[in-house]
Each structure stands twice: as structure tokens, then as C-alpha cells.
Amino acid sequence: MKTLNESKYIKDQEMIFDYLEAIFEEADNDQATILNGLEEVSKSVGIKKISDKTQLDRSNLYRAFKEDANPNLSTFLKILDSLNLSLRVVRK
């Protein structure tokens, strides 16, 4: 599922948090939706900056965001960490 180019509207840490929180709620565990949201946030911050912070090659990041991608958990957690975010478990 590709969306509009939201990355140009995501400007600060609070917007990043709010946007990803909404994506996770809306996605209902749909991996493609979550990865698309994470891609938009990464674009807004800058893929190079994310790459530098995570020490992941930019081409690997782009591959991780593809619709049919299945990135491993460590990649996902590194990206969240680079955004000053963490993964939490909550009750439904």
C-alpha cells in the first residue's frame, strides 16, 4: 500500500511520534502499512541520516521498505532507535 508523500509534512519529533502511532493503530498488524509509514518518516528525517545512525547501508534500508520486504526485527528496532523511539507491547 503506497500512500501520498507524507514525508514532506512530517517536520519534528512530535509529528514523527503522532504519525507512527496512527500508522500502527490503522495498520492492524499489516506489515506493508507499517513499513510504508516507517519509510515516510525515514524520508522526512533523511535516509542518509538514518543510515548513518543505524550503520545500515542505504540500499539495505530502501530494500527493507519495499512492499514485499520482510526486514528482520533488528533492522526494524535500529530504525526506531535512530528516530528516538522504541517498540512497546500494549493490550488490545
PDB file of N, CA and C in Angstrom:
ATOM      1  N   MET A   1       0.837  -1.176   0.000  1.00  0.00           N
ATOM      2  CA  MET A   1       0.000   0.000   0.000  1.00  0.00           C
ATOM      3  C   MET A   1       0.879   1.236   0.000  1.00  0.00           C
ATOM      4  N   LYS A   2       0.917   1.960  -1.062  1.00  0.00           N
ATOM      5  CA  LYS A   2       1.663   3.203  -1.118  1.00  0.00           C
ATOM      6  C   LYS A   2       0.699   4.356  -0.852  1.00  0.00           C
ATOM      7  N   THR A   3       1.187   5.326  -0.134  1.00  0.00           N
ATOM      8  CA  THR A   3       0.366   6.479   0.210  1.00  0.00           C
ATOM      9  C   THR A   3       0.941   7.720  -0.455  1.00  0.00           C
ATOM     10  N   LEU A   4       0.301   8.843  -0.209  1.00  0.00           N
ATOM     11  CA  LEU A   4       0.833  10.111  -0.691  1.00  0.00           C
ATOM     12  C   LEU A   4       2.169  10.366  -0.033  1.00  0.00           C
ATOM     13  N   ASN A   5       2.903  11.305  -0.525  1.00  0.00           N
ATOM     14  CA  ASN A   5       4.219  11.616   0.011  1.00  0.00           C
ATOM     15  C   ASN A   5       4.076  12.413   1.306  1.00  0.00           C
ATOM     16  N   GLU A   6       3.805  11.707   2.401  1.00  0.00           N
ATOM     17  CA  GLU A   6       3.628  12.372   3.694  1.00  0.00           C
ATOM     18  C   GLU A   6       4.925  12.919   4.246  1.00  0.00           C
ATOM     19  N   SER A   7       6.054  12.411   3.761  1.00  0.00           N
ATOM     20  CA  SER A   7       7.339  12.772   4.353  1.00  0.00           C
ATOM     21  C   SER A   7       7.574  14.282   4.367  1.00  0.00           C
ATOM     22  N   LYS A   8       7.037  14.989   3.406  1.00  0.00           N
ATOM     23  CA  LYS A   8       7.264  16.437   3.380  1.00  0.00           C
ATOM     24  C   LYS A   8       6.457  17.174   4.456  1.00  0.00           C
ATOM     25  N   TYR A   9       5.494  16.505   5.083  1.00  0.00           N
ATOM     26  CA  TYR A   9       4.679  17.131   6.119  1.00  0.00           C
ATOM     27  C   TYR A   9       5.132  16.782   7.539  1.00  0.00           C
ATOM     28  N   ILE A  10       5.999  15.795   7.664  1.00  0.00           N
ATOM     29  CA  ILE A  10       6.456  15.343   8.979  1.00  0.00           C
ATOM     30  C   ILE A  10       7.704  16.145   9.318  1.00  0.00           C
ATOM     31  N   LYS A  11       7.562  17.086  10.253  1.00  0.00           N
ATOM     32  CA  LYS A  11       8.625  18.065  10.460  1.00  0.00           C
ATOM     33  C   LYS A  11       9.406  17.932  11.762  1.00  0.00           C
ATOM     34  N   ASP A  12       8.831  17.364  12.804  1.00  0.00           N
ATOM     35  CA  ASP A  12       9.544  17.323  14.079  1.00  0.00           C
ATOM     36  C   ASP A  12       9.267  16.015  14.818  1.00  0.00           C
ATOM     37  N   GLN A  13       9.925  15.839  15.952  1.00  0.00           N
ATOM     38  CA  GLN A  13       9.833  14.588  16.709  1.00  0.00           C
ATOM     39  C   GLN A  13       8.393  14.275  17.125  1.00  0.00           C
ATOM     40  N   GLU A  14       7.655  15.272  17.526  1.00  0.00           N
ATOM     41  CA  GLU A  14       6.267  15.050  17.950  1.00  0.00           C
ATOM     42  C   GLU A  14       5.411  14.568  16.784  1.00  0.00           C
ATOM     43  N   MET A  15       5.631  15.145  15.610  1.00  0.00           N
ATOM     44  CA  MET A  15       4.887  14.713  14.427  1.00  0.00           C
ATOM     45  C   MET A  15       5.267  13.293  14.027  1.00  0.00           C
ATOM     46  N   ILE A  16       6.547  12.961  14.168  1.00  0.00           N
ATOM     47  CA  ILE A  16       7.001  11.599  13.875  1.00  0.00           C
ATOM     48  C   ILE A  16       6.269  10.611  14.777  1.00  0.00           C
ATOM     49  N   PHE A  17       6.243  10.916  16.064  1.00  0.00           N
ATOM     50  CA  PHE A  17       5.571  10.043  17.031  1.00  0.00           C
ATOM     51  C   PHE A  17       4.086   9.909  16.703  1.00  0.00           C
ATOM     52  N   ASP A  18       3.412  11.034  16.516  1.00  0.00           N
ATOM     53  CA  ASP A  18       1.969  11.012  16.241  1.00  0.00           C
ATOM     54  C   ASP A  18       1.653  10.242  14.957  1.00  0.00           C
ATOM     55  N   TYR A  19       2.464  10.475  13.919  1.00  0.00           N
ATOM     56  CA  TYR A  19       2.244   9.811  12.639  1.00  0.00           C
ATOM     57  C   TYR A  19       2.413   8.297  12.777  1.00  0.00           C
ATOM     58  N   LEU A  20       3.515   7.865  13.392  1.00  0.00           N
ATOM     59  CA  LEU A  20       3.734   6.423  13.530  1.00  0.00           C
ATOM     60  C   LEU A  20       2.724   5.777  14.468  1.00  0.00           C
ATOM     61  N   GLU A  21       2.319   6.487  15.507  1.00  0.00           N
ATOM     62  CA  GLU A  21       1.288   5.957  16.398  1.00  0.00           C
ATOM     63  C   GLU A  21      -0.001   5.706  15.618  1.00  0.00           C
ATOM     64  N   ALA A  22      -0.377   6.655  14.772  1.00  0.00           N
ATOM     65  CA  ALA A  22      -1.583   6.500  13.948  1.00  0.00           C
ATOM     66  C   ALA A  22      -1.418   5.355  12.949  1.00  0.00           C
ATOM     67  N   ILE A  23      -0.238   5.245  12.353  1.00  0.00           N
ATOM     68  CA  ILE A  23       0.013   4.165  11.392  1.00  0.00           C
ATOM     69  C   ILE A  23      -0.142   2.811  12.069  1.00  0.00           C
ATOM     70  N   PHE A  24       0.447   2.646  13.245  1.00  0.00           N
ATOM     71  CA  PHE A  24       0.362   1.369  13.949  1.00  0.00           C
ATOM     72  C   PHE A  24      -1.079   1.039  14.318  1.00  0.00           C
ATOM     73  N   GLU A  25      -1.845   2.032  14.728  1.00  0.00           N
ATOM     74  CA  GLU A  25      -3.256   1.795  15.067  1.00  0.00           C
ATOM     75  C   GLU A  25      -4.051   1.419  13.826  1.00  0.00           C
ATOM     76  N   GLU A  26      -3.822   2.128  12.740  1.00  0.00           N
ATOM     77  CA  GLU A  26      -4.553   1.903  11.491  1.00  0.00           C
ATOM     78  C   GLU A  26      -4.144   0.590  10.821  1.00  0.00           C
ATOM     79  N   ALA A  27      -2.894   0.220  10.940  1.00  0.00           N
ATOM     80  CA  ALA A  27      -2.351  -0.920  10.201  1.00  0.00           C
ATOM     81  C   ALA A  27      -2.949  -2.247  10.621  1.00  0.00           C
ATOM     82  N   ASP A  28      -3.370  -2.363  11.869  1.00  0.00           N
ATOM     83  CA  ASP A  28      -3.918  -3.620  12.380  1.00  0.00           C
ATOM     84  C   ASP A  28      -3.004  -4.789  12.015  1.00  0.00           C
ATOM     85  N   ASN A  29      -1.717  -4.615  12.333  1.00  0.00           N
ATOM     86  CA  ASN A  29      -0.674  -5.627  12.106  1.00  0.00           C
ATOM     87  C   ASN A  29      -0.350  -5.879  10.636  1.00  0.00           C
ATOM     88  N   ASP A  30      -0.750  -4.986   9.738  1.00  0.00           N
ATOM     89  CA  ASP A  30      -0.387  -5.123   8.329  1.00  0.00           C
ATOM     90  C   ASP A  30       1.034  -4.597   8.129  1.00  0.00           C
ATOM     91  N   GLN A  31       1.954  -5.509   7.847  1.00  0.00           N
ATOM     92  CA  GLN A  31       3.359  -5.170   7.755  1.00  0.00           C
ATOM     93  C   GLN A  31       3.646  -4.123   6.683  1.00  0.00           C
ATOM     94  N   ALA A  32       3.009  -4.228   5.533  1.00  0.00           N
ATOM     95  CA  ALA A  32       3.259  -3.286   4.436  1.00  0.00           C
ATOM     96  C   ALA A  32       2.884  -1.863   4.843  1.00  0.00           C
ATOM     97  N   THR A  33       1.784  -1.703   5.560  1.00  0.00           N
ATOM     98  CA  THR A  33       1.352  -0.378   6.012  1.00  0.00           C
ATOM     99  C   THR A  33       2.348   0.195   7.013  1.00  0.00           C
ATOM    100  N   ILE A  34       2.800  -0.636   7.930  1.00  0.00           N
ATOM    101  CA  ILE A  34       3.771  -0.191   8.938  1.00  0.00           C
ATOM    102  C   ILE A  34       5.088   0.204   8.275  1.00  0.00           C
ATOM    103  N   LEU A  35       5.577  -0.621   7.354  1.00  0.00           N
ATOM    104  CA  LEU A  35       6.825  -0.308   6.675  1.00  0.00           C
ATOM    105  C   LEU A  35       6.699   0.956   5.833  1.00  0.00           C
ATOM    106  N   ASN A  36       5.556   1.150   5.207  1.00  0.00           N
ATOM    107  CA  ASN A  36       5.344   2.359   4.424  1.00  0.00           C
ATOM    108  C   ASN A  36       5.389   3.596   5.326  1.00  0.00           C
ATOM    109  N   GLY A  37       4.759   3.512   6.487  1.00  0.00           N
ATOM    110  CA  GLY A  37       4.798   4.623   7.433  1.00  0.00           C
ATOM    111  C   GLY A  37       6.211   4.899   7.912  1.00  0.00           C
ATOM    112  N   LEU A  38       6.942   3.849   8.209  1.00  0.00           N
ATOM    113  CA  LEU A  38       8.319   3.996   8.659  1.00  0.00           C
ATOM    114  C   LEU A  38       9.200   4.577   7.543  1.00  0.00           C
ATOM    115  N   GLU A  39       8.902   4.204   6.319  1.00  0.00           N
ATOM    116  CA  GLU A  39       9.633   4.762   5.178  1.00  0.00           C
ATOM    117  C   GLU A  39       9.376   6.261   5.056  1.00  0.00           C
ATOM    118  N   GLU A  40       8.123   6.666   5.181  1.00  0.00           N
ATOM    119  CA  GLU A  40       7.787   8.092   5.081  1.00  0.00           C
ATOM    120  C   GLU A  40       8.504   8.901   6.155  1.00  0.00           C
ATOM    121  N   VAL A  41       8.527   8.370   7.373  1.00  0.00           N
ATOM    122  CA  VAL A  41       9.219   9.058   8.462  1.00  0.00           C
ATOM    123  C   VAL A  41      10.719   9.109   8.173  1.00  0.00           C
ATOM    124  N   SER A  42      11.271   8.014   7.699  1.00  0.00           N
ATOM    125  CA  SER A  42      12.701   7.970   7.388  1.00  0.00           C
ATOM    126  C   SER A  42      13.058   8.973   6.292  1.00  0.00           C
ATOM    127  N   LYS A  43      12.192   9.104   5.310  1.00  0.00           N
ATOM    128  CA  LYS A  43      12.422  10.101   4.258  1.00  0.00           C
ATOM    129  C   LYS A  43      12.387  11.512   4.837  1.00  0.00           C
ATOM    130  N   SER A  44      11.463  11.744   5.767  1.00  0.00           N
ATOM    131  CA  SER A  44      11.355  13.087   6.343  1.00  0.00           C
ATOM    132  C   SER A  44      12.599  13.450   7.142  1.00  0.00           C
ATOM    133  N   VAL A  45      13.173  12.484   7.824  1.00  0.00           N
ATOM    134  CA  VAL A  45      14.401  12.694   8.592  1.00  0.00           C
ATOM    135  C   VAL A  45      15.610  12.707   7.666  1.00  0.00           C
ATOM    136  N   GLY A  46      15.557  11.856   6.660  1.00  0.00           N
ATOM    137  CA  GLY A  46      16.653  11.711   5.702  1.00  0.00           C
ATOM    138  C   GLY A  46      17.213  10.306   5.769  1.00  0.00           C
ATOM    139  N   ILE A  47      17.129   9.598   4.661  1.00  0.00           N
ATOM    140  CA  ILE A  47      17.607   8.214   4.614  1.00  0.00           C
ATOM    141  C   ILE A  47      19.096   8.153   4.966  1.00  0.00           C
ATOM    142  N   LYS A  48      19.873   9.126   4.504  1.00  0.00           N
ATOM    143  CA  LYS A  48      21.307   9.126   4.818  1.00  0.00           C
ATOM    144  C   LYS A  48      21.524   9.260   6.323  1.00  0.00           C
ATOM    145  N   LYS A  49      20.765  10.131   6.952  1.00  0.00           N
ATOM    146  CA  LYS A  49      20.895  10.314   8.400  1.00  0.00           C
ATOM    147  C   LYS A  49      20.518   9.027   9.143  1.00  0.00           C
ATOM    148  N   ILE A  50      19.444   8.376   8.713  1.00  0.00           N
ATOM    149  CA  ILE A  50      19.032   7.104   9.317  1.00  0.00           C
ATOM    150  C   ILE A  50      20.127   6.061   9.094  1.00  0.00           C
ATOM    151  N   SER A  51      20.660   6.033   7.879  1.00  0.00           N
ATOM    152  CA  SER A  51      21.723   5.090   7.550  1.00  0.00           C
ATOM    153  C   SER A  51      22.939   5.302   8.456  1.00  0.00           C
ATOM    154  N   ASP A  52      23.315   6.547   8.635  1.00  0.00           N
ATOM    155  CA  ASP A  52      24.462   6.856   9.496  1.00  0.00           C
ATOM    156  C   ASP A  52      24.209   6.435  10.940  1.00  0.00           C
ATOM    157  N   LYS A  53      23.023   6.740  11.449  1.00  0.00           N
ATOM    158  CA  LYS A  53      22.699   6.421  12.845  1.00  0.00           C
ATOM    159  C   LYS A  53      22.586   4.923  13.092  1.00  0.00           C
ATOM    160  N   THR A  54      22.049   4.197  12.118  1.00  0.00           N
ATOM    161  CA  THR A  54      21.832   2.759  12.298  1.00  0.00           C
ATOM    162  C   THR A  54      23.031   1.929  11.840  1.00  0.00           C
ATOM    163  N   GLN A  55      23.928   2.549  11.094  1.00  0.00           N
ATOM    164  CA  GLN A  55      25.052   1.863  10.463  1.00  0.00           C
ATOM    165  C   GLN A  55      24.569   0.788   9.480  1.00  0.00           C
ATOM    166  N   LEU A  56      23.399   1.037   8.906  1.00  0.00           N
ATOM    167  CA  LEU A  56      22.859   0.180   7.852  1.00  0.00           C
ATOM    168  C   LEU A  56      23.076   0.879   6.517  1.00  0.00           C
ATOM    169  N   ASP A  57      23.471   0.132   5.524  1.00  0.00           N
ATOM    170  CA  ASP A  57      23.672   0.672   4.191  1.00  0.00           C
ATOM    171  C   ASP A  57      22.352   1.226   3.650  1.00  0.00           C
ATOM    172  N   ARG A  58      22.425   2.352   2.960  1.00  0.00           N
ATOM    173  CA  ARG A  58      21.193   2.953   2.424  1.00  0.00           C
ATOM    174  C   ARG A  58      20.433   2.001   1.521  1.00  0.00           C
ATOM    175  N   SER A  59      21.134   1.242   0.712  1.00  0.00           N
ATOM    176  CA  SER A  59      20.438   0.305  -0.182  1.00  0.00           C
ATOM    177  C   SER A  59      19.691  -0.752   0.634  1.00  0.00           C
ATOM    178  N   ASN A  60      20.250  -1.158   1.762  1.00  0.00           N
ATOM    179  CA  ASN A  60      19.545  -2.104   2.638  1.00  0.00           C
ATOM    180  C   ASN A  60      18.301  -1.467   3.237  1.00  0.00           C
ATOM    181  N   LEU A  61      18.384  -0.197   3.578  1.00  0.00           N
ATOM    182  CA  LEU A  61      17.204   0.495   4.105  1.00  0.00           C
ATOM    183  C   LEU A  61      16.105   0.563   3.046  1.00  0.00           C
ATOM    184  N   TYR A  62      16.470   0.966   1.839  1.00  0.00           N
ATOM    185  CA  TYR A  62      15.471   1.033   0.771  1.00  0.00           C
ATOM    186  C   TYR A  62      14.834  -0.333   0.530  1.00  0.00           C
ATOM    187  N   ARG A  63      15.643  -1.384   0.561  1.00  0.00           N
ATOM    188  CA  ARG A  63      15.112  -2.744   0.385  1.00  0.00           C
ATOM    189  C   ARG A  63      14.172  -3.113   1.523  1.00  0.00           C
ATOM    190  N   ALA A  64      14.493  -2.701   2.730  1.00  0.00           N
ATOM    191  CA  ALA A  64      13.663  -3.022   3.896  1.00  0.00           C
ATOM    192  C   ALA A  64      12.280  -2.391   3.791  1.00  0.00           C
ATOM    193  N   PHE A  65      12.164  -1.291   3.046  1.00  0.00           N
ATOM    194  CA  PHE A  65      10.889  -0.593   2.930  1.00  0.00           C
ATOM    195  C   PHE A  65      10.040  -1.048   1.748  1.00  0.00           C
ATOM    196  N   LYS A  66      10.570  -1.914   0.907  1.00  0.00           N
ATOM    197  CA  LYS A  66       9.781  -2.391  -0.232  1.00  0.00           C
ATOM    198  C   LYS A  66       8.519  -3.090   0.258  1.00  0.00           C
ATOM    199  N   GLU A  67       7.473  -3.020  -0.554  1.00  0.00           N
ATOM    200  CA  GLU A  67       6.173  -3.567  -0.161  1.00  0.00           C
ATOM    201  C   GLU A  67       6.230  -5.050   0.191  1.00  0.00           C
ATOM    202  N   ASP A  68       7.034  -5.815  -0.513  1.00  0.00           N
ATOM    203  CA  ASP A  68       7.111  -7.251  -0.251  1.00  0.00           C
ATOM    204  C   ASP A  68       8.283  -7.607   0.682  1.00  0.00           C
ATOM    205  N   ALA A  69       8.877  -6.595   1.294  1.00  0.00           N
ATOM    206  CA  ALA A  69      10.037  -6.818   2.162  1.00  0.00           C
ATOM    207  C   ALA A  69       9.623  -7.500   3.469  1.00  0.00           C
ATOM    208  N   ASN A  70      10.584  -8.152   4.049  1.00  0.00           N
ATOM    209  CA  ASN A  70      10.373  -8.779   5.351  1.00  0.00           C
ATOM    210  C   ASN A  70      11.632  -8.533   6.187  1.00  0.00           C
ATOM    211  N   PRO A  71      11.843  -7.257   6.586  1.00  0.00           N
ATOM    212  CA  PRO A  71      13.076  -6.947   7.315  1.00  0.00           C
ATOM    213  C   PRO A  71      13.101  -7.665   8.661  1.00  0.00           C
ATOM    214  N   ASN A  72      14.305  -7.965   9.101  1.00  0.00           N
ATOM    215  CA  ASN A  72      14.383  -8.643  10.393  1.00  0.00           C
ATOM    216  C   ASN A  72      14.130  -7.641  11.518  1.00  0.00           C
ATOM    217  N   LEU A  73      13.844  -8.178  12.662  1.00  0.00           N
ATOM    218  CA  LEU A  73      13.482  -7.346  13.809  1.00  0.00           C
ATOM    219  C   LEU A  73      14.605  -6.396  14.193  1.00  0.00           C
ATOM    220  N   SER A  74      15.851  -6.835  14.087  1.00  0.00           N
ATOM    221  CA  SER A  74      16.966  -5.966  14.477  1.00  0.00           C
ATOM    222  C   SER A  74      17.025  -4.723  13.585  1.00  0.00           C
ATOM    223  N   THR A  75      16.737  -4.864  12.303  1.00  0.00           N
ATOM    224  CA  THR A  75      16.702  -3.709  11.406  1.00  0.00           C
ATOM    225  C   THR A  75      15.594  -2.755  11.820  1.00  0.00           C
ATOM    226  N   PHE A  76      14.430  -3.302  12.075  1.00  0.00           N
ATOM    227  CA  PHE A  76      13.278  -2.513  12.485  1.00  0.00           C
ATOM    228  C   PHE A  76      13.584  -1.748  13.778  1.00  0.00           C
ATOM    229  N   LEU A  77      14.173  -2.423  14.745  1.00  0.00           N
ATOM    230  CA  LEU A  77      14.495  -1.788  16.030  1.00  0.00           C
ATOM    231  C   LEU A  77      15.574  -0.721  15.886  1.00  0.00           C
ATOM    232  N   LYS A  78      16.547  -0.945  15.013  1.00  0.00           N
ATOM    233  CA  LYS A  78      17.583   0.056  14.772  1.00  0.00           C
ATOM    234  C   LYS A  78      16.987   1.319  14.172  1.00  0.00           C
ATOM    235  N   ILE A  79      16.053   1.150  13.251  1.00  0.00           N
ATOM    236  CA  ILE A  79      15.409   2.312  12.631  1.00  0.00           C
ATOM    237  C   ILE A  79      14.610   3.083  13.680  1.00  0.00           C
ATOM    238  N   LEU A  80      13.825   2.372  14.477  1.00  0.00           N
ATOM    239  CA  LEU A  80      13.073   3.046  15.542  1.00  0.00           C
ATOM    240  C   LEU A  80      14.001   3.768  16.499  1.00  0.00           C
ATOM    241  N   ASP A  81      15.082   3.108  16.894  1.00  0.00           N
ATOM    242  CA  ASP A  81      16.038   3.715  17.816  1.00  0.00           C
ATOM    243  C   ASP A  81      16.643   4.985  17.218  1.00  0.00           C
ATOM    244  N   SER A  82      16.947   4.964  15.927  1.00  0.00           N
ATOM    245  CA  SER A  82      17.517   6.149  15.275  1.00  0.00           C
ATOM    246  C   SER A  82      16.536   7.318  15.274  1.00  0.00           C
ATOM    247  N   LEU A  83      15.250   7.007  15.428  1.00  0.00           N
ATOM    248  CA  LEU A  83      14.204   8.039  15.491  1.00  0.00           C
ATOM    249  C   LEU A  83      13.856   8.405  16.937  1.00  0.00           C
ATOM    250  N   ASN A  84      14.661   7.900  17.876  1.00  0.00           N
ATOM    251  CA  ASN A  84      14.421   8.110  19.309  1.00  0.00           C
ATOM    252  C   ASN A  84      13.083   7.531  19.751  1.00  0.00           C
ATOM    253  N   LEU A  85      12.740   6.389  19.188  1.00  0.00           N
ATOM    254  CA  LEU A  85      11.518   5.677  19.510  1.00  0.00           C
ATOM    255  C   LEU A  85      11.857   4.255  19.914  1.00  0.00           C
ATOM    256  N   SER A  86      10.933   3.590  20.590  1.00  0.00           N
ATOM    257  CA  SER A  86      11.125   2.192  20.928  1.00  0.00           C
ATOM    258  C   SER A  86       9.811   1.443  20.727  1.00  0.00           C
ATOM    259  N   LEU A  87       9.922   0.151  20.657  1.00  0.00           N
ATOM    260  CA  LEU A  87       8.762  -0.713  20.467  1.00  0.00           C
ATOM    261  C   LEU A  87       8.223  -1.114  21.842  1.00  0.00           C
ATOM    262  N   ARG A  88       6.933  -1.022  22.011  1.00  0.00           N
ATOM    263  CA  ARG A  88       6.276  -1.399  23.262  1.00  0.00           C
ATOM    264  C   ARG A  88       5.119  -2.334  22.962  1.00  0.00           C
ATOM    265  N   VAL A  89       4.795  -3.151  23.926  1.00  0.00           N
ATOM    266  CA  VAL A  89       3.649  -4.046  23.811  1.00  0.00           C
ATOM    267  C   VAL A  89       2.538  -3.475  24.690  1.00  0.00           C
ATOM    268  N   VAL A  90       1.334  -3.403  24.126  1.00  0.00           N
ATOM    269  CA  VAL A  90       0.178  -2.918  24.871  1.00  0.00           C
ATOM    270  C   VAL A  90      -0.978  -3.889  24.659  1.00  0.00           C
ATOM    271  N   ARG A  91      -1.868  -3.919  25.612  1.00  0.00           N
ATOM    272  CA  ARG A  91      -3.067  -4.757  25.467  1.00  0.00           C
ATOM    273  C   ARG A  91      -4.005  -4.147  24.446  1.00  0.00           C
ATOM    274  N   LYS A  92      -4.680  -5.027  23.744  1.00  0.00           N
ATOM    275  CA  LYS A  92      -5.703  -4.574  22.781  1.00  0.00           C
ATOM    276  C   LYS A  92      -6.933  -4.137  23.524  1.00  0.00           C
TER     277      LYS A  92
END
